[in-house]
Amino acid sequence: MLVMARDLERKPSRRSLRSPPDNGAGQENGGSSMRTLLNFLSDEGGATAIEYGLIAAGIALAIIAAVNGLGTTLNTNFTSINTSLK
């Protein structure tokens, strides 16, 4: 493959051509508090984690209810067997 010399020249990216955003006076940390708030409100990663947690909690409650009902039935059966063996 033949590479031309002009293809080897590094072109500046679009990002490097932009000037840094004007954050206003008093913003030493380099970020705008309004932008941070908007980013926080638009982030849906935590909401997804909460949804999965709620699904897991619902499944756990269903399992607990099933085991509780099954345990009561088994206790009755074993008590009956114990009584008949005496």
PDB file of N, CA and C in Angstrom:
ATOM      1  N   MET A   1       0.844  -1.168   0.000  1.00  0.00           N
ATOM      2  CA  MET A   1       0.000   0.000   0.000  1.00  0.00           C
ATOM      3  C   MET A   1       0.895   1.238   0.000  1.00  0.00           C
ATOM      4  N   LEU A   2       0.607   2.139  -0.897  1.00  0.00           N
ATOM      5  CA  LEU A   2       1.394   3.348  -1.055  1.00  0.00           C
ATOM      6  C   LEU A   2       0.763   4.462  -0.235  1.00  0.00           C
ATOM      7  N   VAL A   3       1.559   5.101   0.636  1.00  0.00           N
ATOM      8  CA  VAL A   3       1.053   6.188   1.473  1.00  0.00           C
ATOM      9  C   VAL A   3       1.674   7.485   0.997  1.00  0.00           C
ATOM     10  N   MET A   4       0.833   8.439   0.746  1.00  0.00           N
ATOM     11  CA  MET A   4       1.300   9.745   0.279  1.00  0.00           C
ATOM     12  C   MET A   4       1.760  10.572   1.481  1.00  0.00           C
ATOM     13  N   ALA A   5       2.723  11.458   1.272  1.00  0.00           N
ATOM     14  CA  ALA A   5       3.236  12.307   2.343  1.00  0.00           C
ATOM     15  C   ALA A   5       2.140  13.210   2.895  1.00  0.00           C
ATOM     16  N   ARG A   6       1.245  13.657   2.039  1.00  0.00           N
ATOM     17  CA  ARG A   6       0.172  14.545   2.519  1.00  0.00           C
ATOM     18  C   ARG A   6      -0.794  13.793   3.435  1.00  0.00           C
ATOM     19  N   ASP A   7      -0.886  12.465   3.257  1.00  0.00           N
ATOM     20  CA  ASP A   7      -1.762  11.674   4.129  1.00  0.00           C
ATOM     21  C   ASP A   7      -1.161  11.509   5.518  1.00  0.00           C
ATOM     22  N   LEU A   8       0.151  11.656   5.634  1.00  0.00           N
ATOM     23  CA  LEU A   8       0.811  11.493   6.921  1.00  0.00           C
ATOM     24  C   LEU A   8       0.725  12.731   7.803  1.00  0.00           C
ATOM     25  N   GLU A   9       0.393  13.864   7.210  1.00  0.00           N
ATOM     26  CA  GLU A   9       0.286  15.086   7.998  1.00  0.00           C
ATOM     27  C   GLU A   9      -0.896  14.963   8.945  1.00  0.00           C
ATOM     28  N   ARG A  10      -0.667  15.306  10.180  1.00  0.00           N
ATOM     29  CA  ARG A  10      -1.727  15.213  11.174  1.00  0.00           C
ATOM     30  C   ARG A  10      -2.578  16.461  11.115  1.00  0.00           C
ATOM     31  N   LYS A  11      -3.851  16.246  10.919  1.00  0.00           N
ATOM     32  CA  LYS A  11      -4.783  17.360  10.879  1.00  0.00           C
ATOM     33  C   LYS A  11      -5.348  17.571  12.278  1.00  0.00           C
ATOM     34  N   PRO A  12      -5.534  18.820  12.683  1.00  0.00           N
ATOM     35  CA  PRO A  12      -6.107  19.060  14.004  1.00  0.00           C
ATOM     36  C   PRO A  12      -7.559  18.584  14.038  1.00  0.00           C
ATOM     37  N   SER A  13      -7.939  18.013  15.154  1.00  0.00           N
ATOM     38  CA  SER A  13      -9.311  17.545  15.291  1.00  0.00           C
ATOM     39  C   SER A  13     -10.247  18.730  15.504  1.00  0.00           C
ATOM     40  N   ARG A  14     -11.520  18.477  15.313  1.00  0.00           N
ATOM     41  CA  ARG A  14     -12.513  19.545  15.507  1.00  0.00           C
ATOM     42  C   ARG A  14     -12.502  20.023  16.954  1.00  0.00           C
ATOM     43  N   ARG A  15     -12.284  19.091  17.869  1.00  0.00           N
ATOM     44  CA  ARG A  15     -12.298  19.452  19.279  1.00  0.00           C
ATOM     45  C   ARG A  15     -11.174  20.422  19.615  1.00  0.00           C
ATOM     46  N   SER A  16      -9.989  20.209  19.026  1.00  0.00           N
ATOM     47  CA  SER A  16      -8.866  21.084  19.345  1.00  0.00           C
ATOM     48  C   SER A  16      -9.028  22.463  18.713  1.00  0.00           C
ATOM     49  N   LEU A  17      -9.877  22.592  17.706  1.00  0.00           N
ATOM     50  CA  LEU A  17     -10.098  23.886  17.070  1.00  0.00           C
ATOM     51  C   LEU A  17     -11.066  24.756  17.865  1.00  0.00           C
ATOM     52  N   ARG A  18     -11.852  24.133  18.708  1.00  0.00           N
ATOM     53  CA  ARG A  18     -12.823  24.895  19.498  1.00  0.00           C
ATOM     54  C   ARG A  18     -12.148  25.607  20.649  1.00  0.00           C
ATOM     55  N   SER A  19     -12.714  26.741  21.005  1.00  0.00           N
ATOM     56  CA  SER A  19     -12.218  27.429  22.193  1.00  0.00           C
ATOM     57  C   SER A  19     -12.915  26.839  23.411  1.00  0.00           C
ATOM     58  N   PRO A  20     -12.285  26.900  24.567  1.00  0.00           N
ATOM     59  CA  PRO A  20     -12.918  26.345  25.756  1.00  0.00           C
ATOM     60  C   PRO A  20     -14.199  27.112  26.068  1.00  0.00           C
ATOM     61  N   PRO A  21     -15.183  26.426  26.657  1.00  0.00           N
ATOM     62  CA  PRO A  21     -16.444  27.093  26.950  1.00  0.00           C
ATOM     63  C   PRO A  21     -16.270  28.190  27.981  1.00  0.00           C
ATOM     64  N   ASP A  22     -17.050  29.233  27.817  1.00  0.00           N
ATOM     65  CA  ASP A  22     -17.022  30.338  28.763  1.00  0.00           C
ATOM     66  C   ASP A  22     -17.956  29.989  29.911  1.00  0.00           C
ATOM     67  N   ASN A  23     -17.379  29.745  31.072  1.00  0.00           N
ATOM     68  CA  ASN A  23     -18.165  29.330  32.223  1.00  0.00           C
ATOM     69  C   ASN A  23     -18.554  30.495  33.119  1.00  0.00           C
ATOM     70  N   GLY A  24     -18.157  31.667  32.780  1.00  0.00           N
ATOM     71  CA  GLY A  24     -18.504  32.814  33.599  1.00  0.00           C
ATOM     72  C   GLY A  24     -17.490  33.039  34.700  1.00  0.00           C
ATOM     73  N   ALA A  25     -17.658  34.135  35.385  1.00  0.00           N
ATOM     74  CA  ALA A  25     -16.736  34.476  36.462  1.00  0.00           C
ATOM     75  C   ALA A  25     -17.020  33.623  37.689  1.00  0.00           C
ATOM     76  N   GLY A  26     -15.958  33.312  38.424  1.00  0.00           N
ATOM     77  CA  GLY A  26     -16.118  32.596  39.675  1.00  0.00           C
ATOM     78  C   GLY A  26     -16.241  31.090  39.527  1.00  0.00           C
ATOM     79  N   GLN A  27     -16.002  30.534  38.361  1.00  0.00           N
ATOM     80  CA  GLN A  27     -16.097  29.100  38.155  1.00  0.00           C
ATOM     81  C   GLN A  27     -14.691  28.514  38.098  1.00  0.00           C
ATOM     82  N   GLU A  28     -14.100  28.288  39.264  1.00  0.00           N
ATOM     83  CA  GLU A  28     -12.728  27.797  39.310  1.00  0.00           C
ATOM     84  C   GLU A  28     -12.635  26.343  38.896  1.00  0.00           C
ATOM     85  N   ASN A  29     -13.694  25.552  39.102  1.00  0.00           N
ATOM     86  CA  ASN A  29     -13.609  24.129  38.821  1.00  0.00           C
ATOM     87  C   ASN A  29     -13.770  23.806  37.349  1.00  0.00           C
ATOM     88  N   GLY A  30     -14.029  24.788  36.516  1.00  0.00           N
ATOM     89  CA  GLY A  30     -14.106  24.563  35.089  1.00  0.00           C
ATOM     90  C   GLY A  30     -15.453  24.060  34.609  1.00  0.00           C
ATOM     91  N   GLY A  31     -16.428  23.900  35.486  1.00  0.00           N
ATOM     92  CA  GLY A  31     -17.741  23.410  35.082  1.00  0.00           C
ATOM     93  C   GLY A  31     -18.834  24.312  35.587  1.00  0.00           C
ATOM     94  N   SER A  32     -19.875  24.387  34.838  1.00  0.00           N
ATOM     95  CA  SER A  32     -21.008  25.212  35.218  1.00  0.00           C
ATOM     96  C   SER A  32     -21.934  24.413  36.125  1.00  0.00           C
ATOM     97  N   SER A  33     -22.412  25.032  37.177  1.00  0.00           N
ATOM     98  CA  SER A  33     -23.303  24.329  38.087  1.00  0.00           C
ATOM     99  C   SER A  33     -24.629  23.999  37.403  1.00  0.00           C
ATOM    100  N   MET A  34     -25.081  24.838  36.494  1.00  0.00           N
ATOM    101  CA  MET A  34     -26.315  24.556  35.765  1.00  0.00           C
ATOM    102  C   MET A  34     -26.118  23.354  34.844  1.00  0.00           C
ATOM    103  N   ARG A  35     -24.953  23.294  34.181  1.00  0.00           N
ATOM    104  CA  ARG A  35     -24.663  22.160  33.301  1.00  0.00           C
ATOM    105  C   ARG A  35     -24.572  20.872  34.116  1.00  0.00           C
ATOM    106  N   THR A  36     -23.960  20.954  35.282  1.00  0.00           N
ATOM    107  CA  THR A  36     -23.854  19.791  36.152  1.00  0.00           C
ATOM    108  C   THR A  36     -25.230  19.322  36.584  1.00  0.00           C
ATOM    109  N   LEU A  37     -26.098  20.261  36.934  1.00  0.00           N
ATOM    110  CA  LEU A  37     -27.464  19.913  37.335  1.00  0.00           C
ATOM    111  C   LEU A  37     -28.215  19.261  36.179  1.00  0.00           C
ATOM    112  N   LEU A  38     -28.078  19.810  34.982  1.00  0.00           N
ATOM    113  CA  LEU A  38     -28.758  19.239  33.825  1.00  0.00           C
ATOM    114  C   LEU A  38     -28.220  17.850  33.497  1.00  0.00           C
ATOM    115  N   ASN A  39     -26.908  17.668  33.615  1.00  0.00           N
ATOM    116  CA  ASN A  39     -26.333  16.336  33.396  1.00  0.00           C
ATOM    117  C   ASN A  39     -26.847  15.348  34.427  1.00  0.00           C
ATOM    118  N   PHE A  40     -26.963  15.786  35.665  1.00  0.00           N
ATOM    119  CA  PHE A  40     -27.466  14.919  36.728  1.00  0.00           C
ATOM    120  C   PHE A  40     -28.909  14.516  36.463  1.00  0.00           C
ATOM    121  N   LEU A  41     -29.734  15.465  36.048  1.00  0.00           N
ATOM    122  CA  LEU A  41     -31.147  15.180  35.802  1.00  0.00           C
ATOM    123  C   LEU A  41     -31.358  14.313  34.564  1.00  0.00           C
ATOM    124  N   SER A  42     -30.467  14.421  33.583  1.00  0.00           N
ATOM    125  CA  SER A  42     -30.636  13.631  32.366  1.00  0.00           C
ATOM    126  C   SER A  42     -30.004  12.245  32.461  1.00  0.00           C
ATOM    127  N   ASP A  43     -29.198  11.990  33.489  1.00  0.00           N
ATOM    128  CA  ASP A  43     -28.556  10.689  33.654  1.00  0.00           C
ATOM    129  C   ASP A  43     -29.592   9.663  34.093  1.00  0.00           C
ATOM    130  N   GLU A  44     -29.740   8.589  33.331  1.00  0.00           N
ATOM    131  CA  GLU A  44     -30.731   7.562  33.641  1.00  0.00           C
ATOM    132  C   GLU A  44     -30.098   6.276  34.157  1.00  0.00           C
ATOM    133  N   GLY A  45     -28.804   6.280  34.401  1.00  0.00           N
ATOM    134  CA  GLY A  45     -28.132   5.078  34.885  1.00  0.00           C
ATOM    135  C   GLY A  45     -28.623   4.645  36.250  1.00  0.00           C
ATOM    136  N   GLY A  46     -28.812   5.588  37.148  1.00  0.00           N
ATOM    137  CA  GLY A  46     -29.310   5.259  38.482  1.00  0.00           C
ATOM    138  C   GLY A  46     -30.738   4.764  38.451  1.00  0.00           C
ATOM    139  N   ALA A  47     -31.555   5.331  37.569  1.00  0.00           N
ATOM    140  CA  ALA A  47     -32.951   4.904  37.464  1.00  0.00           C
ATOM    141  C   ALA A  47     -33.025   3.453  37.008  1.00  0.00           C
ATOM    142  N   THR A  48     -32.163   3.064  36.099  1.00  0.00           N
ATOM    143  CA  THR A  48     -32.147   1.681  35.627  1.00  0.00           C
ATOM    144  C   THR A  48     -31.749   0.744  36.760  1.00  0.00           C
ATOM    145  N   ALA A  49     -30.771   1.135  37.554  1.00  0.00           N
ATOM    146  CA  ALA A  49     -30.348   0.305  38.680  1.00  0.00           C
ATOM    147  C   ALA A  49     -31.474   0.158  39.699  1.00  0.00           C
ATOM    148  N   ILE A  50     -32.213   1.226  39.931  1.00  0.00           N
ATOM    149  CA  ILE A  50     -33.336   1.164  40.868  1.00  0.00           C
ATOM    150  C   ILE A  50     -34.424   0.245  40.331  1.00  0.00           C
ATOM    151  N   GLU A  51     -34.686   0.305  39.027  1.00  0.00           N
ATOM    152  CA  GLU A  51     -35.702  -0.570  38.435  1.00  0.00           C
ATOM    153  C   GLU A  51     -35.314  -2.034  38.598  1.00  0.00           C
ATOM    154  N   TYR A  52     -34.042  -2.348  38.345  1.00  0.00           N
ATOM    155  CA  TYR A  52     -33.596  -3.726  38.531  1.00  0.00           C
ATOM    156  C   TYR A  52     -33.693  -4.143  39.996  1.00  0.00           C
ATOM    157  N   GLY A  53     -33.406  -3.232  40.903  1.00  0.00           N
ATOM    158  CA  GLY A  53     -33.536  -3.528  42.328  1.00  0.00           C
ATOM    159  C   GLY A  53     -34.974  -3.821  42.718  1.00  0.00           C
ATOM    160  N   LEU A  54     -35.910  -3.048  42.161  1.00  0.00           N
ATOM    161  CA  LEU A  54     -37.328  -3.286  42.449  1.00  0.00           C
ATOM    162  C   LEU A  54     -37.794  -4.624  41.887  1.00  0.00           C
ATOM    163  N   ILE A  55     -37.313  -4.981  40.707  1.00  0.00           N
ATOM    164  CA  ILE A  55     -37.667  -6.291  40.138  1.00  0.00           C
ATOM    165  C   ILE A  55     -37.130  -7.411  41.020  1.00  0.00           C
ATOM    166  N   ALA A  56     -35.879  -7.280  41.467  1.00  0.00           N
ATOM    167  CA  ALA A  56     -35.289  -8.303  42.339  1.00  0.00           C
ATOM    168  C   ALA A  56     -36.049  -8.404  43.659  1.00  0.00           C
ATOM    169  N   ALA A  57     -36.477  -7.266  44.202  1.00  0.00           N
ATOM    170  CA  ALA A  57     -37.241  -7.278  45.454  1.00  0.00           C
ATOM    171  C   ALA A  57     -38.588  -7.965  45.253  1.00  0.00           C
ATOM    172  N   GLY A  58     -39.230  -7.709  44.123  1.00  0.00           N
ATOM    173  CA  GLY A  58     -40.519  -8.366  43.836  1.00  0.00           C
ATOM    174  C   GLY A  58     -40.373  -9.868  43.707  1.00  0.00           C
ATOM    175  N   ILE A  59     -39.312 -10.305  43.033  1.00  0.00           N
ATOM    176  CA  ILE A  59     -39.065 -11.742  42.899  1.00  0.00           C
ATOM    177  C   ILE A  59     -38.776 -12.361  44.263  1.00  0.00           C
ATOM    178  N   ALA A  60     -38.004 -11.649  45.092  1.00  0.00           N
ATOM    179  CA  ALA A  60     -37.692 -12.157  46.431  1.00  0.00           C
ATOM    180  C   ALA A  60     -38.956 -12.296  47.276  1.00  0.00           C
ATOM    181  N   LEU A  61     -39.857 -11.318  47.179  1.00  0.00           N
ATOM    182  CA  LEU A  61     -41.118 -11.409  47.935  1.00  0.00           C
ATOM    183  C   LEU A  61     -41.971 -12.585  47.465  1.00  0.00           C
ATOM    184  N   ALA A  62     -42.003 -12.824  46.166  1.00  0.00           N
ATOM    185  CA  ALA A  62     -42.770 -13.967  45.643  1.00  0.00           C
ATOM    186  C   ALA A  62     -42.185 -15.284  46.147  1.00  0.00           C
ATOM    187  N   ILE A  63     -40.851 -15.384  46.169  1.00  0.00           N
ATOM    188  CA  ILE A  63     -40.208 -16.609  46.663  1.00  0.00           C
ATOM    189  C   ILE A  63     -40.497 -16.802  48.152  1.00  0.00           C
ATOM    190  N   ILE A  64     -40.416 -15.718  48.922  1.00  0.00           N
ATOM    191  CA  ILE A  64     -40.685 -15.814  50.366  1.00  0.00           C
ATOM    192  C   ILE A  64     -42.115 -16.256  50.619  1.00  0.00           C
ATOM    193  N   ALA A  65     -43.063 -15.699  49.869  1.00  0.00           N
ATOM    194  CA  ALA A  65     -44.470 -16.076  50.049  1.00  0.00           C
ATOM    195  C   ALA A  65     -44.682 -17.552  49.694  1.00  0.00           C
ATOM    196  N   ALA A  66     -44.057 -18.021  48.618  1.00  0.00           N
ATOM    197  CA  ALA A  66     -44.209 -19.420  48.212  1.00  0.00           C
ATOM    198  C   ALA A  66     -43.584 -20.363  49.238  1.00  0.00           C
ATOM    199  N   VAL A  67     -42.401 -20.024  49.727  1.00  0.00           N
ATOM    200  CA  VAL A  67     -41.727 -20.883  50.713  1.00  0.00           C
ATOM    201  C   VAL A  67     -42.491 -20.877  52.031  1.00  0.00           C
ATOM    202  N   ASN A  68     -43.044 -19.734  52.410  1.00  0.00           N
ATOM    203  CA  ASN A  68     -43.814 -19.661  53.645  1.00  0.00           C
ATOM    204  C   ASN A  68     -45.048 -20.560  53.569  1.00  0.00           C
ATOM    205  N   GLY A  69     -45.765 -20.503  52.452  1.00  0.00           N
ATOM    206  CA  GLY A  69     -46.940 -21.369  52.293  1.00  0.00           C
ATOM    207  C   GLY A  69     -46.560 -22.830  52.232  1.00  0.00           C
ATOM    208  N   LEU A  70     -45.484 -23.142  51.542  1.00  0.00           N
ATOM    209  CA  LEU A  70     -45.013 -24.515  51.444  1.00  0.00           C
ATOM    210  C   LEU A  70     -44.534 -25.016  52.803  1.00  0.00           C
ATOM    211  N   GLY A  71     -43.878 -24.148  53.570  1.00  0.00           N
ATOM    212  CA  GLY A  71     -43.391 -24.537  54.896  1.00  0.00           C
ATOM    213  C   GLY A  71     -44.524 -24.892  55.839  1.00  0.00           C
ATOM    214  N   THR A  72     -45.602 -24.139  55.776  1.00  0.00           N
ATOM    215  CA  THR A  72     -46.754 -24.429  56.631  1.00  0.00           C
ATOM    216  C   THR A  72     -47.364 -25.785  56.272  1.00  0.00           C
ATOM    217  N   THR A  73     -47.476 -26.046  54.986  1.00  0.00           N
ATOM    218  CA  THR A  73     -48.030 -27.328  54.534  1.00  0.00           C
ATOM    219  C   THR A  73     -47.118 -28.481  54.945  1.00  0.00           C
ATOM    220  N   LEU A  74     -45.806 -28.313  54.771  1.00  0.00           N
ATOM    221  CA  LEU A  74     -44.877 -29.367  55.163  1.00  0.00           C
ATOM    222  C   LEU A  74     -44.897 -29.605  56.668  1.00  0.00           C
ATOM    223  N   ASN A  75     -45.004 -28.550  57.447  1.00  0.00           N
ATOM    224  CA  ASN A  75     -45.065 -28.686  58.901  1.00  0.00           C
ATOM    225  C   ASN A  75     -46.296 -29.497  59.301  1.00  0.00           C
ATOM    226  N   THR A  76     -47.416 -29.233  58.664  1.00  0.00           N
ATOM    227  CA  THR A  76     -48.647 -29.983  58.963  1.00  0.00           C
ATOM    228  C   THR A  76     -48.464 -31.453  58.601  1.00  0.00           C
ATOM    229  N   ASN A  77     -47.880 -31.734  57.451  1.00  0.00           N
ATOM    230  CA  ASN A  77     -47.684 -33.126  57.024  1.00  0.00           C
ATOM    231  C   ASN A  77     -46.722 -33.862  57.963  1.00  0.00           C
ATOM    232  N   PHE A  78     -45.608 -33.235  58.333  1.00  0.00           N
ATOM    233  CA  PHE A  78     -44.655 -33.899  59.222  1.00  0.00           C
ATOM    234  C   PHE A  78     -45.239 -34.102  60.621  1.00  0.00           C
ATOM    235  N   THR A  79     -46.049 -33.184  61.082  1.00  0.00           N
ATOM    236  CA  THR A  79     -46.713 -33.360  62.386  1.00  0.00           C
ATOM    237  C   THR A  79     -47.665 -34.547  62.334  1.00  0.00           C
ATOM    238  N   SER A  80     -48.394 -34.672  61.228  1.00  0.00           N
ATOM    239  CA  SER A  80     -49.307 -35.807  61.061  1.00  0.00           C
ATOM    240  C   SER A  80     -48.540 -37.122  61.023  1.00  0.00           C
ATOM    241  N   ILE A  81     -47.428 -37.173  60.294  1.00  0.00           N
ATOM    242  CA  ILE A  81     -46.611 -38.375  60.219  1.00  0.00           C
ATOM    243  C   ILE A  81     -46.029 -38.714  61.583  1.00  0.00           C
ATOM    244  N   ASN A  82     -45.566 -37.709  62.333  1.00  0.00           N
ATOM    245  CA  ASN A  82     -44.997 -37.904  63.665  1.00  0.00           C
ATOM    246  C   ASN A  82     -46.052 -38.485  64.611  1.00  0.00           C
ATOM    247  N   THR A  83     -47.259 -37.958  64.525  1.00  0.00           N
ATOM    248  CA  THR A  83     -48.344 -38.438  65.404  1.00  0.00           C
ATOM    249  C   THR A  83     -48.695 -39.890  65.068  1.00  0.00           C
ATOM    250  N   SER A  84     -48.722 -40.221  63.796  1.00  0.00           N
ATOM    251  CA  SER A  84     -49.101 -41.582  63.409  1.00  0.00           C
ATOM    252  C   SER A  84     -48.023 -42.607  63.755  1.00  0.00           C
ATOM    253  N   LEU A  85     -46.777 -42.174  63.850  1.00  0.00           N
ATOM    254  CA  LEU A  85     -45.676 -43.076  64.202  1.00  0.00           C
ATOM    255  C   LEU A  85     -45.618 -43.359  65.684  1.00  0.00           C
ATOM    256  N   LYS A  86     -46.224 -42.569  66.527  1.00  0.00           N
ATOM    257  CA  LYS A  86     -46.157 -42.766  67.979  1.00  0.00           C
ATOM    258  C   LYS A  86     -47.058 -43.852  68.440  1.00  0.00           C
TER     259      LYS A  86
END
